[in-house]
N, C-alpha and C. Protein backbone atom coordinates (compact mmCIF):
# COMPACT_ATOMS: atom_id res chain seq x y z
N MET A 1 -1.41 0.73 -19.58
CA MET A 1 -1.82 0.08 -18.44
C MET A 1 -2.75 -1.03 -18.80
N ASN A 2 -2.45 -2.28 -18.44
CA ASN A 2 -3.17 -3.46 -18.94
C ASN A 2 -3.58 -4.32 -17.76
N PRO A 3 -4.76 -4.09 -17.16
CA PRO A 3 -5.25 -4.88 -15.97
C PRO A 3 -5.70 -6.27 -16.37
N ILE A 4 -5.19 -7.27 -15.68
CA ILE A 4 -5.56 -8.69 -15.96
C ILE A 4 -6.05 -9.30 -14.58
N PHE A 5 -7.25 -9.73 -14.47
CA PHE A 5 -7.78 -10.27 -13.26
C PHE A 5 -7.61 -11.78 -13.28
N TYR A 6 -7.09 -12.34 -12.20
CA TYR A 6 -6.92 -13.84 -12.20
C TYR A 6 -7.75 -14.38 -11.02
N ARG A 7 -8.32 -15.54 -11.32
CA ARG A 7 -8.96 -16.32 -10.19
C ARG A 7 -8.36 -17.73 -10.35
N ASP A 8 -7.46 -18.10 -9.45
CA ASP A 8 -6.70 -19.30 -9.62
C ASP A 8 -7.17 -20.42 -8.65
N PHE A 9 -7.52 -21.58 -9.16
CA PHE A 9 -8.02 -22.73 -8.38
C PHE A 9 -6.99 -23.80 -8.28
N SER A 10 -5.70 -23.45 -8.30
CA SER A 10 -4.65 -24.45 -8.43
C SER A 10 -4.52 -25.27 -7.15
N SER A 11 -5.10 -24.89 -6.01
CA SER A 11 -4.98 -25.62 -4.79
C SER A 11 -6.11 -26.62 -4.64
N GLY A 12 -6.62 -27.19 -5.72
CA GLY A 12 -7.68 -28.20 -5.68
C GLY A 12 -9.08 -27.65 -5.74
N GLY A 13 -9.24 -26.35 -5.95
CA GLY A 13 -10.56 -25.75 -6.06
C GLY A 13 -11.25 -25.46 -4.77
N GLU A 14 -10.57 -25.69 -3.64
CA GLU A 14 -11.24 -25.42 -2.40
C GLU A 14 -11.30 -24.01 -2.00
N LYS A 15 -10.21 -23.25 -2.38
CA LYS A 15 -10.14 -21.86 -2.06
C LYS A 15 -9.74 -21.05 -3.31
N PRO A 16 -10.70 -20.30 -3.84
CA PRO A 16 -10.34 -19.52 -5.05
C PRO A 16 -9.37 -18.39 -4.56
N PHE A 17 -8.39 -18.13 -5.43
CA PHE A 17 -7.33 -17.14 -5.11
C PHE A 17 -7.43 -16.01 -6.11
N PRO A 18 -8.02 -14.86 -5.78
CA PRO A 18 -8.17 -13.75 -6.73
C PRO A 18 -6.99 -12.80 -6.65
N TYR A 19 -6.50 -12.38 -7.76
CA TYR A 19 -5.49 -11.29 -7.73
C TYR A 19 -5.53 -10.55 -9.07
N LEU A 20 -5.06 -9.33 -9.04
CA LEU A 20 -5.07 -8.49 -10.22
C LEU A 20 -3.59 -8.12 -10.56
N ILE A 21 -3.25 -8.25 -11.86
CA ILE A 21 -1.97 -7.85 -12.34
C ILE A 21 -2.18 -6.76 -13.33
N ILE A 22 -1.35 -5.73 -13.22
CA ILE A 22 -1.41 -4.61 -14.17
C ILE A 22 0.07 -4.44 -14.68
N GLU A 23 0.25 -4.63 -15.95
CA GLU A 23 1.50 -4.47 -16.56
C GLU A 23 1.64 -3.05 -17.02
N ASP A 24 2.88 -2.48 -17.03
CA ASP A 24 3.17 -1.11 -17.49
C ASP A 24 2.24 -0.15 -16.84
N PHE A 25 2.20 -0.24 -15.47
CA PHE A 25 1.19 0.57 -14.73
C PHE A 25 1.47 2.03 -14.85
N TYR A 26 2.70 2.50 -14.75
CA TYR A 26 3.06 3.92 -14.87
C TYR A 26 3.54 4.24 -16.25
N ASP A 27 3.17 5.48 -16.75
CA ASP A 27 3.68 5.89 -18.02
C ASP A 27 5.12 6.45 -17.80
N GLU A 28 5.73 6.93 -18.89
CA GLU A 28 7.12 7.31 -18.86
C GLU A 28 7.40 8.47 -17.91
N GLU A 29 6.53 9.43 -17.90
CA GLU A 29 6.65 10.61 -16.99
C GLU A 29 6.52 10.18 -15.53
N GLU A 30 5.57 9.30 -15.24
CA GLU A 30 5.42 8.86 -13.85
C GLU A 30 6.61 7.98 -13.43
N LEU A 31 7.05 7.16 -14.33
CA LEU A 31 8.24 6.34 -14.06
C LEU A 31 9.45 7.23 -13.75
N GLY A 32 9.66 8.29 -14.39
CA GLY A 32 10.72 9.25 -14.15
C GLY A 32 10.57 9.78 -12.77
N GLN A 33 9.38 10.17 -12.36
CA GLN A 33 9.22 10.66 -10.98
C GLN A 33 9.56 9.61 -9.94
N VAL A 34 9.07 8.38 -10.19
CA VAL A 34 9.35 7.30 -9.24
C VAL A 34 10.88 7.11 -9.18
N TRP A 35 11.57 6.97 -10.20
CA TRP A 35 13.01 6.74 -10.20
C TRP A 35 13.82 7.84 -9.56
N ARG A 36 13.39 9.06 -9.74
CA ARG A 36 14.16 10.15 -9.06
C ARG A 36 14.09 9.97 -7.51
N GLU A 37 12.96 9.56 -7.03
CA GLU A 37 12.82 9.40 -5.59
C GLU A 37 13.54 8.13 -5.13
N LEU A 38 13.43 7.04 -5.87
CA LEU A 38 14.11 5.81 -5.55
C LEU A 38 15.66 6.06 -5.45
N GLU A 39 16.19 6.76 -6.37
CA GLU A 39 17.61 7.04 -6.36
C GLU A 39 17.99 7.92 -5.20
N PHE A 40 17.14 8.88 -4.86
CA PHE A 40 17.36 9.77 -3.70
C PHE A 40 17.38 8.94 -2.40
N LEU A 41 16.45 7.99 -2.30
CA LEU A 41 16.37 7.18 -1.08
C LEU A 41 17.53 6.20 -0.95
N LEU A 42 18.01 5.70 -2.09
CA LEU A 42 19.11 4.80 -2.06
C LEU A 42 20.40 5.46 -1.80
N ASP A 43 20.54 6.69 -2.17
CA ASP A 43 21.79 7.48 -1.97
C ASP A 43 21.97 7.84 -0.50
N GLY A 44 23.18 7.62 0.03
CA GLY A 44 23.45 7.93 1.40
C GLY A 44 22.89 6.98 2.43
N ASN A 45 22.52 5.76 1.99
CA ASN A 45 22.15 4.70 2.91
C ASN A 45 20.91 5.15 3.81
N LYS A 46 19.91 5.73 3.14
CA LYS A 46 18.71 6.17 3.89
C LYS A 46 17.78 5.02 4.25
N LEU A 47 17.85 3.97 3.54
CA LEU A 47 16.96 2.80 3.75
C LEU A 47 17.40 2.05 5.02
N MET A 48 16.40 1.51 5.73
CA MET A 48 16.62 0.86 6.99
C MET A 48 16.55 -0.65 6.88
N GLY A 49 17.03 -1.32 7.91
CA GLY A 49 17.04 -2.80 7.98
C GLY A 49 15.66 -3.31 8.30
N PRO A 50 15.44 -4.68 8.19
CA PRO A 50 14.15 -5.28 8.35
C PRO A 50 13.53 -5.07 9.72
N GLU A 51 14.39 -4.89 10.79
CA GLU A 51 13.85 -4.72 12.13
C GLU A 51 13.20 -3.34 12.25
N ASP A 52 13.46 -2.39 11.35
CA ASP A 52 12.87 -1.06 11.47
C ASP A 52 11.77 -0.84 10.44
N THR A 53 11.30 -1.85 9.70
CA THR A 53 10.34 -1.62 8.71
C THR A 53 9.12 -2.57 8.90
N GLY A 54 8.79 -2.91 10.12
CA GLY A 54 7.66 -3.70 10.43
C GLY A 54 7.63 -5.05 9.75
N ALA A 55 8.77 -5.73 9.73
CA ALA A 55 8.88 -7.00 9.03
C ALA A 55 8.12 -8.10 9.77
N ALA A 56 7.51 -8.98 9.08
CA ALA A 56 6.98 -10.21 9.68
C ALA A 56 8.13 -11.01 10.32
N SER A 57 7.83 -11.77 11.33
CA SER A 57 8.91 -12.43 12.13
C SER A 57 8.66 -13.91 12.26
N TYR A 58 9.74 -14.63 12.45
CA TYR A 58 9.64 -16.08 12.76
C TYR A 58 9.21 -16.20 14.25
N SER A 59 8.97 -17.43 14.68
CA SER A 59 8.51 -17.65 16.07
C SER A 59 9.51 -17.17 17.11
N ASP A 60 10.81 -17.14 16.77
CA ASP A 60 11.80 -16.71 17.70
C ASP A 60 12.05 -15.19 17.73
N GLY A 61 11.24 -14.51 16.88
CA GLY A 61 11.32 -13.05 16.86
C GLY A 61 12.27 -12.45 15.75
N THR A 62 13.00 -13.31 15.08
CA THR A 62 13.93 -12.80 14.05
C THR A 62 13.08 -12.40 12.82
N PRO A 63 13.50 -11.39 12.08
CA PRO A 63 12.77 -10.91 10.93
C PRO A 63 12.74 -12.02 9.83
N ALA A 64 11.61 -12.09 9.16
CA ALA A 64 11.39 -13.12 8.10
C ALA A 64 11.95 -12.58 6.76
N LYS A 65 12.49 -11.42 6.73
CA LYS A 65 13.02 -10.90 5.50
C LYS A 65 14.46 -10.38 5.62
N GLN A 66 15.12 -10.34 4.53
CA GLN A 66 16.43 -9.64 4.45
C GLN A 66 16.39 -8.70 3.28
N ASN A 67 16.28 -7.41 3.60
CA ASN A 67 16.36 -6.34 2.60
C ASN A 67 16.47 -5.01 3.36
N ARG A 68 16.36 -3.96 2.64
CA ARG A 68 16.30 -2.62 3.29
C ARG A 68 15.12 -1.88 2.79
N GLY A 69 14.57 -0.99 3.63
CA GLY A 69 13.36 -0.30 3.19
C GLY A 69 13.04 0.87 4.05
N LEU A 70 11.92 1.55 3.73
CA LEU A 70 11.51 2.74 4.43
C LEU A 70 10.04 2.99 4.17
N PHE A 71 9.28 3.27 5.24
CA PHE A 71 7.83 3.64 5.08
C PHE A 71 7.86 5.16 4.82
N LEU A 72 7.35 5.48 3.61
CA LEU A 72 7.42 6.91 3.25
C LEU A 72 6.47 7.75 4.02
N ASP A 73 5.42 7.20 4.59
CA ASP A 73 4.51 7.95 5.37
C ASP A 73 5.15 8.50 6.63
N ASN A 74 6.18 7.77 7.13
CA ASN A 74 6.94 8.24 8.29
C ASN A 74 7.94 9.35 7.90
N LEU A 75 8.27 9.43 6.64
CA LEU A 75 9.26 10.36 6.18
C LEU A 75 8.69 11.72 5.87
N TYR A 76 7.50 11.74 5.26
CA TYR A 76 6.88 12.98 4.79
C TYR A 76 5.59 13.28 5.62
N THR A 77 5.63 14.46 6.21
CA THR A 77 4.40 14.91 6.86
C THR A 77 3.43 15.44 5.83
N ASN A 78 3.91 15.90 4.72
CA ASN A 78 3.10 16.36 3.63
C ASN A 78 3.37 15.46 2.44
N ARG A 79 2.43 14.53 2.15
CA ARG A 79 2.70 13.50 1.11
C ARG A 79 2.85 14.11 -0.26
N SER A 80 2.38 15.33 -0.52
CA SER A 80 2.55 15.90 -1.89
C SER A 80 4.02 16.26 -2.17
N ILE A 81 4.90 16.18 -1.22
CA ILE A 81 6.33 16.44 -1.39
C ILE A 81 6.95 15.19 -2.07
N SER A 82 6.40 14.06 -1.85
CA SER A 82 6.92 12.79 -2.33
C SER A 82 6.42 12.47 -3.80
N ASN A 83 7.33 12.24 -4.66
CA ASN A 83 6.92 11.83 -6.01
C ASN A 83 6.11 10.54 -5.95
N ILE A 84 6.58 9.55 -5.16
CA ILE A 84 5.97 8.21 -5.12
C ILE A 84 4.59 8.35 -4.46
N LEU A 85 4.47 9.04 -3.39
CA LEU A 85 3.19 9.16 -2.70
C LEU A 85 2.17 10.01 -3.54
N THR A 86 2.66 10.72 -4.45
CA THR A 86 1.81 11.47 -5.37
C THR A 86 1.27 10.60 -6.50
N VAL A 87 2.20 9.93 -7.19
CA VAL A 87 1.79 9.13 -8.38
C VAL A 87 1.06 7.88 -7.98
N ASN A 88 1.29 7.35 -6.76
CA ASN A 88 0.57 6.12 -6.42
C ASN A 88 -0.88 6.33 -6.05
N ARG A 89 -1.34 7.59 -6.15
CA ARG A 89 -2.79 7.83 -6.06
C ARG A 89 -3.53 7.27 -7.24
N LYS A 90 -2.77 6.94 -8.29
CA LYS A 90 -3.32 6.52 -9.56
C LYS A 90 -4.21 5.27 -9.40
N LEU A 91 -3.83 4.38 -8.57
CA LEU A 91 -4.63 3.13 -8.42
C LEU A 91 -6.02 3.48 -7.95
N ALA A 92 -6.12 4.36 -6.97
CA ALA A 92 -7.42 4.66 -6.42
C ALA A 92 -8.22 5.54 -7.41
N LYS A 93 -7.59 6.39 -8.15
CA LYS A 93 -8.26 7.31 -9.02
C LYS A 93 -8.69 6.63 -10.36
N SER A 94 -8.06 5.53 -10.70
CA SER A 94 -8.27 4.94 -12.05
C SER A 94 -9.59 4.23 -12.17
N GLY A 95 -10.30 3.93 -11.07
CA GLY A 95 -11.53 3.22 -11.12
C GLY A 95 -11.32 1.65 -11.05
N ILE A 96 -10.10 1.26 -11.08
CA ILE A 96 -9.82 -0.17 -11.06
C ILE A 96 -10.28 -0.86 -9.78
N MET A 97 -10.12 -0.14 -8.65
CA MET A 97 -10.53 -0.71 -7.40
C MET A 97 -12.05 -1.01 -7.36
N GLN A 98 -12.83 -0.20 -7.99
CA GLN A 98 -14.27 -0.42 -8.05
C GLN A 98 -14.54 -1.57 -9.03
N GLN A 99 -13.79 -1.65 -10.09
CA GLN A 99 -14.02 -2.73 -11.06
C GLN A 99 -13.68 -4.12 -10.52
N ILE A 100 -12.57 -4.20 -9.83
CA ILE A 100 -12.16 -5.50 -9.34
C ILE A 100 -13.04 -5.97 -8.22
N SER A 101 -13.66 -5.07 -7.48
CA SER A 101 -14.54 -5.54 -6.37
C SER A 101 -15.73 -6.24 -6.83
N LYS A 102 -16.08 -6.17 -8.13
CA LYS A 102 -17.21 -6.86 -8.72
C LYS A 102 -16.86 -8.27 -9.13
N HIS A 103 -15.56 -8.62 -9.16
CA HIS A 103 -15.09 -9.91 -9.65
C HIS A 103 -15.05 -10.98 -8.55
N SER A 104 -14.90 -10.61 -7.29
CA SER A 104 -14.74 -11.55 -6.28
C SER A 104 -15.22 -10.98 -4.86
N LEU A 105 -15.76 -11.87 -4.10
CA LEU A 105 -16.24 -11.43 -2.79
C LEU A 105 -15.08 -10.99 -1.90
N LEU A 106 -13.89 -11.57 -2.14
CA LEU A 106 -12.72 -11.23 -1.33
C LEU A 106 -12.25 -9.83 -1.63
N PHE A 107 -12.68 -9.22 -2.76
CA PHE A 107 -12.30 -7.88 -3.08
C PHE A 107 -13.45 -6.88 -2.86
N LYS A 108 -14.56 -7.37 -2.32
CA LYS A 108 -15.73 -6.52 -2.19
C LYS A 108 -15.49 -5.32 -1.37
N GLY A 109 -14.67 -5.43 -0.37
CA GLY A 109 -14.38 -4.25 0.53
C GLY A 109 -13.29 -3.31 0.05
N LEU A 110 -12.71 -3.60 -1.11
CA LEU A 110 -11.62 -2.74 -1.59
C LEU A 110 -12.02 -1.29 -1.80
N PRO A 111 -13.20 -1.01 -2.42
CA PRO A 111 -13.50 0.45 -2.56
C PRO A 111 -13.78 1.18 -1.30
N ASP A 112 -14.00 0.40 -0.18
CA ASP A 112 -14.24 1.03 1.12
C ASP A 112 -12.93 1.47 1.79
N CYS A 113 -11.81 1.02 1.29
CA CYS A 113 -10.51 1.42 1.88
C CYS A 113 -10.31 2.90 1.67
N ASN A 114 -9.95 3.62 2.71
CA ASN A 114 -9.70 5.03 2.58
C ASN A 114 -8.41 5.50 3.26
N GLY A 115 -7.55 4.46 3.52
CA GLY A 115 -6.22 4.74 4.04
C GLY A 115 -5.24 3.78 3.46
N ASP A 116 -3.99 4.27 3.40
CA ASP A 116 -2.89 3.42 2.89
C ASP A 116 -1.58 3.78 3.49
N ASP A 117 -0.68 2.80 3.55
CA ASP A 117 0.72 2.99 3.90
C ASP A 117 1.60 2.57 2.78
N THR A 118 2.66 3.20 2.51
CA THR A 118 3.56 2.89 1.43
C THR A 118 4.97 2.62 1.90
N LEU A 119 5.46 1.42 1.53
CA LEU A 119 6.79 0.95 1.93
C LEU A 119 7.64 0.76 0.66
N VAL A 120 8.85 1.43 0.65
CA VAL A 120 9.77 1.19 -0.43
C VAL A 120 10.78 0.16 0.08
N SER A 121 11.04 -0.92 -0.65
CA SER A 121 11.97 -1.93 -0.27
C SER A 121 13.03 -2.15 -1.45
N TYR A 122 14.22 -2.51 -1.02
CA TYR A 122 15.28 -2.71 -2.00
C TYR A 122 16.00 -4.01 -1.71
N TYR A 123 16.12 -4.92 -2.70
CA TYR A 123 16.71 -6.22 -2.49
C TYR A 123 17.99 -6.32 -3.41
N GLU A 124 19.08 -6.75 -2.80
CA GLU A 124 20.28 -7.08 -3.51
C GLU A 124 20.62 -8.53 -3.31
N ASN A 125 21.88 -8.92 -3.55
CA ASN A 125 22.28 -10.33 -3.54
C ASN A 125 21.90 -11.00 -2.21
N LYS A 126 21.21 -12.14 -2.27
CA LYS A 126 20.83 -13.00 -1.18
C LYS A 126 19.64 -12.39 -0.42
N ASP A 127 19.12 -11.28 -0.72
CA ASP A 127 17.95 -10.75 -0.02
C ASP A 127 16.75 -11.49 -0.43
N HIS A 128 15.76 -11.59 0.47
CA HIS A 128 14.57 -12.42 0.28
C HIS A 128 13.51 -12.05 1.30
N TYR A 129 12.31 -12.64 1.18
CA TYR A 129 11.24 -12.47 2.18
C TYR A 129 10.51 -13.79 2.26
N ALA A 130 10.50 -14.44 3.41
CA ALA A 130 9.83 -15.69 3.62
C ALA A 130 8.31 -15.51 3.53
N GLN A 131 7.61 -16.59 3.40
CA GLN A 131 6.15 -16.50 3.31
C GLN A 131 5.58 -15.80 4.55
N HIS A 132 4.67 -14.88 4.37
CA HIS A 132 4.12 -14.13 5.44
C HIS A 132 2.81 -13.55 5.01
N ARG A 133 2.05 -12.95 5.97
CA ARG A 133 0.81 -12.19 5.68
C ARG A 133 1.08 -10.76 6.11
N ASP A 134 0.33 -9.85 5.46
CA ASP A 134 0.35 -8.44 5.85
C ASP A 134 -0.83 -8.14 6.77
N ILE A 135 -0.65 -7.17 7.67
CA ILE A 135 -1.68 -6.80 8.63
C ILE A 135 -2.54 -5.67 8.10
N TYR A 136 -3.02 -5.82 6.91
CA TYR A 136 -3.81 -4.83 6.27
C TYR A 136 -5.06 -5.51 5.60
N ASN A 137 -5.81 -4.79 4.83
CA ASN A 137 -6.91 -5.37 4.12
C ASN A 137 -6.49 -5.90 2.74
N PHE A 138 -5.75 -5.04 2.05
CA PHE A 138 -5.37 -5.36 0.67
C PHE A 138 -3.89 -4.84 0.46
N THR A 139 -3.15 -5.59 -0.36
CA THR A 139 -1.74 -5.28 -0.64
C THR A 139 -1.53 -5.09 -2.12
N SER A 140 -0.81 -4.09 -2.53
CA SER A 140 -0.40 -4.01 -3.91
C SER A 140 1.16 -3.92 -3.90
N LEU A 141 1.83 -4.64 -4.79
CA LEU A 141 3.26 -4.65 -4.88
C LEU A 141 3.63 -4.16 -6.31
N HIS A 142 4.53 -3.28 -6.43
CA HIS A 142 4.88 -2.72 -7.70
C HIS A 142 6.46 -2.79 -7.82
N TRP A 143 6.90 -3.41 -8.92
CA TRP A 143 8.36 -3.75 -9.06
C TRP A 143 9.06 -2.85 -10.04
N PHE A 144 10.31 -2.54 -9.71
CA PHE A 144 11.15 -1.72 -10.57
C PHE A 144 12.60 -2.22 -10.49
N PHE A 145 13.26 -2.12 -11.64
CA PHE A 145 14.74 -2.34 -11.66
C PHE A 145 15.30 -1.71 -12.88
N LYS A 146 16.53 -1.45 -12.88
CA LYS A 146 17.25 -0.81 -13.98
C LYS A 146 17.49 -1.82 -15.10
N GLU A 147 17.29 -1.38 -16.30
CA GLU A 147 17.54 -2.26 -17.45
C GLU A 147 18.99 -2.05 -17.98
N PRO A 148 19.66 -3.08 -18.44
CA PRO A 148 19.24 -4.47 -18.50
C PRO A 148 19.26 -5.10 -17.06
N LYS A 149 18.39 -6.01 -16.82
CA LYS A 149 18.25 -6.65 -15.50
C LYS A 149 19.55 -7.36 -15.09
N LYS A 150 20.02 -7.08 -13.88
CA LYS A 150 21.25 -7.59 -13.37
C LYS A 150 21.10 -8.60 -12.27
N PHE A 151 19.94 -9.16 -12.13
CA PHE A 151 19.72 -10.18 -11.08
C PHE A 151 18.73 -11.23 -11.55
N THR A 152 18.77 -12.34 -10.89
CA THR A 152 17.73 -13.37 -11.03
C THR A 152 17.05 -13.53 -9.70
N GLY A 153 15.90 -14.20 -9.73
CA GLY A 153 15.12 -14.36 -8.50
C GLY A 153 14.26 -13.12 -8.21
N GLY A 154 13.94 -12.96 -6.97
CA GLY A 154 13.10 -11.81 -6.61
C GLY A 154 11.65 -11.96 -7.06
N ASP A 155 11.24 -13.23 -7.34
CA ASP A 155 9.87 -13.51 -7.80
C ASP A 155 8.95 -13.61 -6.62
N LEU A 156 7.66 -13.30 -6.85
CA LEU A 156 6.64 -13.39 -5.79
C LEU A 156 6.01 -14.72 -5.84
N SER A 157 5.88 -15.37 -4.66
CA SER A 157 5.25 -16.71 -4.68
C SER A 157 4.13 -16.78 -3.60
N PHE A 158 3.13 -17.55 -3.93
CA PHE A 158 1.96 -17.81 -3.02
C PHE A 158 2.03 -19.36 -2.85
N HIS A 159 2.72 -19.86 -1.85
CA HIS A 159 2.95 -21.33 -1.73
C HIS A 159 1.70 -22.11 -1.48
N GLU A 160 0.71 -21.50 -0.84
CA GLU A 160 -0.55 -22.21 -0.60
C GLU A 160 -1.25 -22.60 -1.88
N PHE A 161 -0.99 -21.86 -2.92
CA PHE A 161 -1.68 -22.04 -4.20
C PHE A 161 -0.72 -22.47 -5.29
N ASP A 162 0.50 -22.68 -4.99
CA ASP A 162 1.51 -23.07 -5.95
C ASP A 162 1.54 -22.09 -7.16
N VAL A 163 1.50 -20.87 -6.83
CA VAL A 163 1.53 -19.73 -7.81
C VAL A 163 2.75 -18.91 -7.69
N GLU A 164 3.44 -18.68 -8.76
CA GLU A 164 4.65 -17.83 -8.76
C GLU A 164 4.49 -16.72 -9.80
N ILE A 165 4.74 -15.44 -9.43
CA ILE A 165 4.62 -14.35 -10.35
C ILE A 165 6.04 -13.80 -10.56
N PRO A 166 6.51 -13.84 -11.79
CA PRO A 166 7.86 -13.34 -12.09
C PRO A 166 7.96 -11.84 -11.90
N CYS A 167 9.09 -11.43 -11.38
CA CYS A 167 9.41 -10.03 -11.14
C CYS A 167 9.70 -9.38 -12.52
N GLU A 168 8.83 -8.43 -12.93
CA GLU A 168 9.00 -7.75 -14.18
C GLU A 168 8.84 -6.29 -13.96
N ASN A 169 9.61 -5.54 -14.68
CA ASN A 169 9.70 -4.06 -14.51
C ASN A 169 8.32 -3.38 -14.70
N ASN A 170 7.92 -2.48 -13.79
CA ASN A 170 6.75 -1.70 -13.86
C ASN A 170 5.47 -2.56 -13.88
N LYS A 171 5.60 -3.76 -13.22
CA LYS A 171 4.40 -4.59 -13.06
C LYS A 171 3.85 -4.42 -11.62
N MET A 172 2.53 -4.44 -11.51
CA MET A 172 1.89 -4.28 -10.21
C MET A 172 0.95 -5.42 -10.02
N ILE A 173 0.89 -5.99 -8.76
CA ILE A 173 -0.06 -7.00 -8.38
C ILE A 173 -0.80 -6.54 -7.13
N LEU A 174 -2.13 -6.84 -7.14
CA LEU A 174 -2.96 -6.47 -6.05
C LEU A 174 -3.71 -7.73 -5.55
N PHE A 175 -3.69 -7.99 -4.20
CA PHE A 175 -4.31 -9.19 -3.68
C PHE A 175 -4.72 -8.91 -2.22
N PRO A 176 -5.60 -9.75 -1.65
CA PRO A 176 -5.95 -9.62 -0.23
C PRO A 176 -4.73 -9.87 0.64
N SER A 177 -4.50 -9.03 1.60
CA SER A 177 -3.36 -9.06 2.49
C SER A 177 -3.24 -10.29 3.27
N SER A 178 -4.35 -10.99 3.54
CA SER A 178 -4.31 -12.17 4.40
C SER A 178 -3.73 -13.35 3.72
N ILE A 179 -3.49 -13.29 2.47
CA ILE A 179 -2.94 -14.43 1.73
C ILE A 179 -1.39 -14.51 1.88
N HIS A 180 -0.88 -15.65 2.34
CA HIS A 180 0.52 -15.77 2.49
C HIS A 180 1.28 -15.57 1.16
N HIS A 181 2.42 -14.87 1.22
CA HIS A 181 3.20 -14.59 0.05
C HIS A 181 4.67 -14.39 0.49
N GLY A 182 5.55 -14.56 -0.44
CA GLY A 182 7.00 -14.37 -0.14
C GLY A 182 7.77 -14.01 -1.43
N VAL A 183 9.00 -13.71 -1.24
CA VAL A 183 9.87 -13.29 -2.32
C VAL A 183 11.09 -14.16 -2.32
N SER A 184 11.38 -14.74 -3.50
CA SER A 184 12.49 -15.68 -3.60
C SER A 184 13.85 -14.91 -3.56
N GLU A 185 14.87 -15.60 -3.26
CA GLU A 185 16.15 -14.98 -3.03
C GLU A 185 16.65 -14.32 -4.35
N VAL A 186 17.11 -13.10 -4.18
CA VAL A 186 17.71 -12.35 -5.30
C VAL A 186 19.19 -12.77 -5.44
N LYS A 187 19.58 -13.03 -6.65
CA LYS A 187 20.98 -13.46 -6.90
C LYS A 187 21.58 -12.49 -7.98
N MET A 188 22.75 -11.95 -7.66
CA MET A 188 23.46 -11.12 -8.57
C MET A 188 24.99 -11.17 -8.43
N GLU A 189 25.68 -10.74 -9.37
CA GLU A 189 27.15 -10.77 -9.34
C GLU A 189 27.66 -9.82 -8.29
N ASP A 190 28.72 -10.17 -7.62
CA ASP A 190 29.32 -9.31 -6.66
C ASP A 190 29.71 -7.92 -7.19
N SER A 191 30.07 -7.94 -8.47
CA SER A 191 30.51 -6.63 -9.10
C SER A 191 29.34 -5.68 -9.32
N ASP A 192 28.10 -6.24 -9.21
CA ASP A 192 26.90 -5.39 -9.43
C ASP A 192 26.27 -4.90 -8.11
N VAL A 193 26.79 -5.44 -6.98
CA VAL A 193 26.24 -5.07 -5.69
C VAL A 193 26.65 -3.68 -5.30
N GLY A 194 25.72 -2.93 -4.70
CA GLY A 194 26.01 -1.57 -4.23
C GLY A 194 25.91 -0.50 -5.29
N LYS A 195 25.35 -0.81 -6.41
CA LYS A 195 25.20 0.11 -7.48
C LYS A 195 23.75 0.47 -7.87
N GLY A 196 22.86 0.02 -6.98
CA GLY A 196 21.39 0.34 -7.30
C GLY A 196 20.82 -0.53 -8.43
N LEU A 197 21.45 -1.70 -8.67
CA LEU A 197 20.98 -2.53 -9.78
C LEU A 197 20.16 -3.70 -9.36
N GLY A 198 19.67 -3.67 -8.10
CA GLY A 198 18.84 -4.71 -7.60
C GLY A 198 17.32 -4.51 -7.83
N ARG A 199 16.58 -5.13 -7.00
CA ARG A 199 15.10 -5.15 -7.12
C ARG A 199 14.44 -4.17 -6.16
N PHE A 200 13.72 -3.21 -6.70
CA PHE A 200 12.92 -2.27 -5.93
C PHE A 200 11.47 -2.76 -5.88
N CYS A 201 10.86 -2.63 -4.72
CA CYS A 201 9.45 -2.94 -4.60
C CYS A 201 8.78 -1.79 -3.84
N ILE A 202 7.70 -1.25 -4.44
CA ILE A 202 6.86 -0.27 -3.72
C ILE A 202 5.60 -0.98 -3.29
N SER A 203 5.46 -1.20 -1.97
CA SER A 203 4.30 -1.84 -1.43
C SER A 203 3.27 -0.78 -0.95
N GLN A 204 2.07 -0.93 -1.34
CA GLN A 204 1.03 -0.05 -0.96
C GLN A 204 -0.02 -0.87 -0.23
N PHE A 205 -0.24 -0.61 1.09
CA PHE A 205 -1.07 -1.37 1.95
C PHE A 205 -2.37 -0.57 2.20
N PHE A 206 -3.53 -1.16 1.87
CA PHE A 206 -4.77 -0.45 1.97
C PHE A 206 -5.55 -0.94 3.24
N PHE A 207 -6.22 0.00 3.85
CA PHE A 207 -7.00 -0.29 5.08
C PHE A 207 -8.16 0.67 5.21
N ILE A 208 -9.09 0.39 6.10
CA ILE A 208 -10.21 1.28 6.37
C ILE A 208 -9.91 2.11 7.59
N ASP A 209 -9.88 3.43 7.39
CA ASP A 209 -9.63 4.38 8.50
C ASP A 209 -10.88 5.12 8.84
N PRO A 210 -11.51 4.89 9.99
CA PRO A 210 -12.72 5.59 10.34
C PRO A 210 -12.61 7.06 10.39
N ARG A 211 -11.35 7.58 10.46
CA ARG A 211 -11.13 9.07 10.51
C ARG A 211 -10.87 9.59 9.14
N GLY A 212 -10.62 8.75 8.13
CA GLY A 212 -10.19 9.19 6.86
C GLY A 212 -11.38 9.49 5.96
N GLU A 213 -11.08 10.04 4.76
CA GLU A 213 -12.09 10.43 3.81
C GLU A 213 -12.03 9.59 2.55
N ASP A 214 -10.89 9.67 1.86
CA ASP A 214 -10.68 8.94 0.64
C ASP A 214 -9.19 8.82 0.36
N LEU A 215 -8.84 8.18 -0.74
CA LEU A 215 -7.41 7.93 -1.02
C LEU A 215 -6.86 8.92 -2.06
N SER A 216 -7.60 9.96 -2.36
CA SER A 216 -7.15 10.91 -3.33
C SER A 216 -6.08 11.85 -2.75
């Protein structure tokens, strides 16, 4: 696990843009747990369309994204049953949230977050997500795909800052949810569609819950 903190002034220095990237976030055992659940969710068409996963919308009400997904918190009443909801406690327990809060005022409230929602998304050919903001305090995005990679695109972009983060396996990025971000169109061969060879993203959204205790 290799945390790298970025403060990017590429938009003229007027608004610093802080974000944290962690490469190889999960170890092999944790990755195995994640993949077992991802394959279970993908099997049998369990994932839902954008209209059922709280997608950001254009002014006419149409979803700003094209993909399939599922909020795991709506699926499990006991989160310990879920491999993903178990291993993604790692971010809160690692001490990284406390460390990054010291680097930027925009992250100062991160350790105060005691609630989270987790969304699993899957992108195949032509799937994308237009620029949008999340209605939380902080967002982490974690990417997975089967090797060798069978698609191009699916990269994360922050248009306000002219920043693009390439989609790489087992990479996680954490940033304030209020910053606009989007996902470029995924492109893959027709022969690879429908085989689970696309782009998976596990989004973990952090917020302050006055009724909650901690994220453990």
